[in-house]
Amino acid sequence: MKKRKSTARQLGRYIVADPEICHGKLTFRGTRIFVADVLEQVASGMVWEAIIEEWDGGITEEAITEAVQLAAQALLRHVDEFVIESMSA
């Protein structure tokens, strides 16, 4: 049997993109927890301890911190691609 070369990409200590896990969407290493789902929980104002509890301890505060930091870096790197609409009503 031929050993397949892994095409998984590690984006940090806790975040990976592996085409063989969840169709390559970003997940927390060793889990099937989508980074996007956790970032949505953070954005909604959910307390990090509650997020960790909701995922049965499958992620840590350090993992959430890394996700937020990578998301912030991506936003700053690509800010010109986003359309920012006025909040005035």
C-alpha atoms as a PDB file:
ATOM      1  CA  MET A   1       0.000   0.000   0.000  1.00  0.00           C
ATOM      2  CA  LYS A   2       1.332   3.409  -0.974  1.00  0.00           C
ATOM      3  CA  LYS A   3       1.618   6.017   1.718  1.00  0.00           C
ATOM      4  CA  ARG A   4      -0.157   9.205   0.688  1.00  0.00           C
ATOM      5  CA  LYS A   5       1.598  12.486   1.142  1.00  0.00           C
ATOM      6  CA  SER A   6      -0.269  14.674   3.608  1.00  0.00           C
ATOM      7  CA  THR A   7      -1.537  17.914   2.151  1.00  0.00           C
ATOM      8  CA  ALA A   8      -2.616  19.245   5.529  1.00  0.00           C
ATOM      9  CA  ARG A   9      -1.487  22.780   6.275  1.00  0.00           C
ATOM     10  CA  GLN A  10      -0.868  23.922   9.801  1.00  0.00           C
ATOM     11  CA  LEU A  11      -1.703  27.615  10.168  1.00  0.00           C
ATOM     12  CA  GLY A  12      -0.550  27.932  13.727  1.00  0.00           C
ATOM     13  CA  ARG A  13      -0.121  25.803  16.769  1.00  0.00           C
ATOM     14  CA  TYR A  14      -3.836  24.977  17.003  1.00  0.00           C
ATOM     15  CA  ILE A  15      -5.356  25.528  13.556  1.00  0.00           C
ATOM     16  CA  VAL A  16      -5.121  23.249  10.530  1.00  0.00           C
ATOM     17  CA  ALA A  17      -6.588  22.876   7.061  1.00  0.00           C
ATOM     18  CA  ASP A  18      -6.633  19.231   5.985  1.00  0.00           C
ATOM     19  CA  PRO A  19      -8.508  18.196   2.821  1.00  0.00           C
ATOM     20  CA  GLU A  20      -9.245  14.852   4.484  1.00  0.00           C
ATOM     21  CA  ILE A  21     -10.896  16.451   7.516  1.00  0.00           C
ATOM     22  CA  CYS A  22     -14.085  18.502   7.094  1.00  0.00           C
ATOM     23  CA  HIS A  23     -13.357  19.072   3.380  1.00  0.00           C
ATOM     24  CA  GLY A  24     -10.284  21.163   4.150  1.00  0.00           C
ATOM     25  CA  LYS A  25     -12.108  23.831   6.137  1.00  0.00           C
ATOM     26  CA  LEU A  26     -10.147  25.329   9.013  1.00  0.00           C
ATOM     27  CA  THR A  27     -10.476  23.260  12.159  1.00  0.00           C
ATOM     28  CA  PHE A  28      -8.758  23.113  15.502  1.00  0.00           C
ATOM     29  CA  ARG A  29      -6.004  20.491  15.415  1.00  0.00           C
ATOM     30  CA  GLY A  30      -7.167  17.058  16.527  1.00  0.00           C
ATOM     31  CA  THR A  31     -10.862  18.012  16.331  1.00  0.00           C
ATOM     32  CA  ARG A  32     -13.627  18.539  13.813  1.00  0.00           C
ATOM     33  CA  ILE A  33     -14.489  21.889  15.387  1.00  0.00           C
ATOM     34  CA  PHE A  34     -14.684  24.581  12.715  1.00  0.00           C
ATOM     35  CA  VAL A  35     -12.673  27.713  13.424  1.00  0.00           C
ATOM     36  CA  ALA A  36     -15.443  29.742  11.751  1.00  0.00           C
ATOM     37  CA  ASP A  37     -18.024  28.436  14.250  1.00  0.00           C
ATOM     38  CA  VAL A  38     -15.878  29.455  17.207  1.00  0.00           C
ATOM     39  CA  LEU A  39     -15.157  32.884  15.685  1.00  0.00           C
ATOM     40  CA  GLU A  40     -18.914  33.406  15.262  1.00  0.00           C
ATOM     41  CA  GLN A  41     -19.383  32.602  18.943  1.00  0.00           C
ATOM     42  CA  VAL A  42     -16.643  35.083  19.878  1.00  0.00           C
ATOM     43  CA  ALA A  43     -18.200  37.741  17.619  1.00  0.00           C
ATOM     44  CA  SER A  44     -21.607  37.216  19.235  1.00  0.00           C
ATOM     45  CA  GLY A  45     -20.062  38.090  22.601  1.00  0.00           C
ATOM     46  CA  MET A  46     -20.084  34.609  24.063  1.00  0.00           C
ATOM     47  CA  VAL A  47     -17.714  34.254  27.003  1.00  0.00           C
ATOM     48  CA  TRP A  48     -14.694  32.155  26.085  1.00  0.00           C
ATOM     49  CA  GLU A  49     -15.180  29.814  29.034  1.00  0.00           C
ATOM     50  CA  ALA A  50     -18.707  29.102  27.776  1.00  0.00           C
ATOM     51  CA  ILE A  51     -17.369  28.420  24.262  1.00  0.00           C
ATOM     52  CA  ILE A  52     -14.854  25.950  25.670  1.00  0.00           C
ATOM     53  CA  GLU A  53     -17.588  24.289  27.717  1.00  0.00           C
ATOM     54  CA  GLU A  54     -19.934  24.116  24.729  1.00  0.00           C
ATOM     55  CA  TRP A  55     -17.264  22.219  22.802  1.00  0.00           C
ATOM     56  CA  ASP A  56     -16.717  19.885  25.788  1.00  0.00           C
ATOM     57  CA  GLY A  57     -13.184  21.144  26.322  1.00  0.00           C
ATOM     58  CA  GLY A  58     -12.185  20.204  22.781  1.00  0.00           C
ATOM     59  CA  ILE A  59     -10.521  23.595  22.409  1.00  0.00           C
ATOM     60  CA  THR A  60      -8.601  25.798  24.785  1.00  0.00           C
ATOM     61  CA  GLU A  61      -8.423  29.503  25.486  1.00  0.00           C
ATOM     62  CA  GLU A  62      -5.053  29.523  23.715  1.00  0.00           C
ATOM     63  CA  ALA A  63      -6.647  27.995  20.615  1.00  0.00           C
ATOM     64  CA  ILE A  64      -9.388  30.637  20.603  1.00  0.00           C
ATOM     65  CA  THR A  65      -6.769  33.358  21.042  1.00  0.00           C
ATOM     66  CA  GLU A  66      -4.855  32.036  18.039  1.00  0.00           C
ATOM     67  CA  ALA A  67      -8.030  31.981  15.919  1.00  0.00           C
ATOM     68  CA  VAL A  68      -8.858  35.583  16.823  1.00  0.00           C
ATOM     69  CA  GLN A  69      -5.268  36.704  16.146  1.00  0.00           C
ATOM     70  CA  LEU A  70      -5.171  34.985  12.740  1.00  0.00           C
ATOM     71  CA  ALA A  71      -8.561  36.440  11.836  1.00  0.00           C
ATOM     72  CA  ALA A  72      -7.360  39.928  12.792  1.00  0.00           C
ATOM     73  CA  GLN A  73      -4.188  39.503  10.732  1.00  0.00           C
ATOM     74  CA  ALA A  74      -6.216  38.357   7.716  1.00  0.00           C
ATOM     75  CA  LEU A  75      -8.561  41.333   8.052  1.00  0.00           C
ATOM     76  CA  LEU A  76      -5.702  43.815   8.275  1.00  0.00           C
ATOM     77  CA  ARG A  77      -3.892  42.202   5.347  1.00  0.00           C
ATOM     78  CA  HIS A  78      -6.994  42.295   3.134  1.00  0.00           C
ATOM     79  CA  VAL A  79      -8.802  45.382   4.437  1.00  0.00           C
ATOM     80  CA  ASP A  80      -8.844  47.026   1.012  1.00  0.00           C
ATOM     81  CA  GLU A  81     -10.928  44.129  -0.331  1.00  0.00           C
ATOM     82  CA  PHE A  82     -13.752  44.759   2.125  1.00  0.00           C
ATOM     83  CA  VAL A  83     -16.510  47.250   1.516  1.00  0.00           C
ATOM     84  CA  ILE A  84     -17.126  49.244   4.653  1.00  0.00           C
ATOM     85  CA  GLU A  85     -20.552  50.800   4.683  1.00  0.00           C
ATOM     86  CA  SER A  86     -21.506  53.814   6.698  1.00  0.00           C
ATOM     87  CA  MET A  87     -23.300  53.030   9.940  1.00  0.00           C
ATOM     88  CA  SER A  88     -25.320  56.261   9.815  1.00  0.00           C
ATOM     89  CA  ALA A  89     -29.058  55.858   9.577  1.00  0.00           C
END
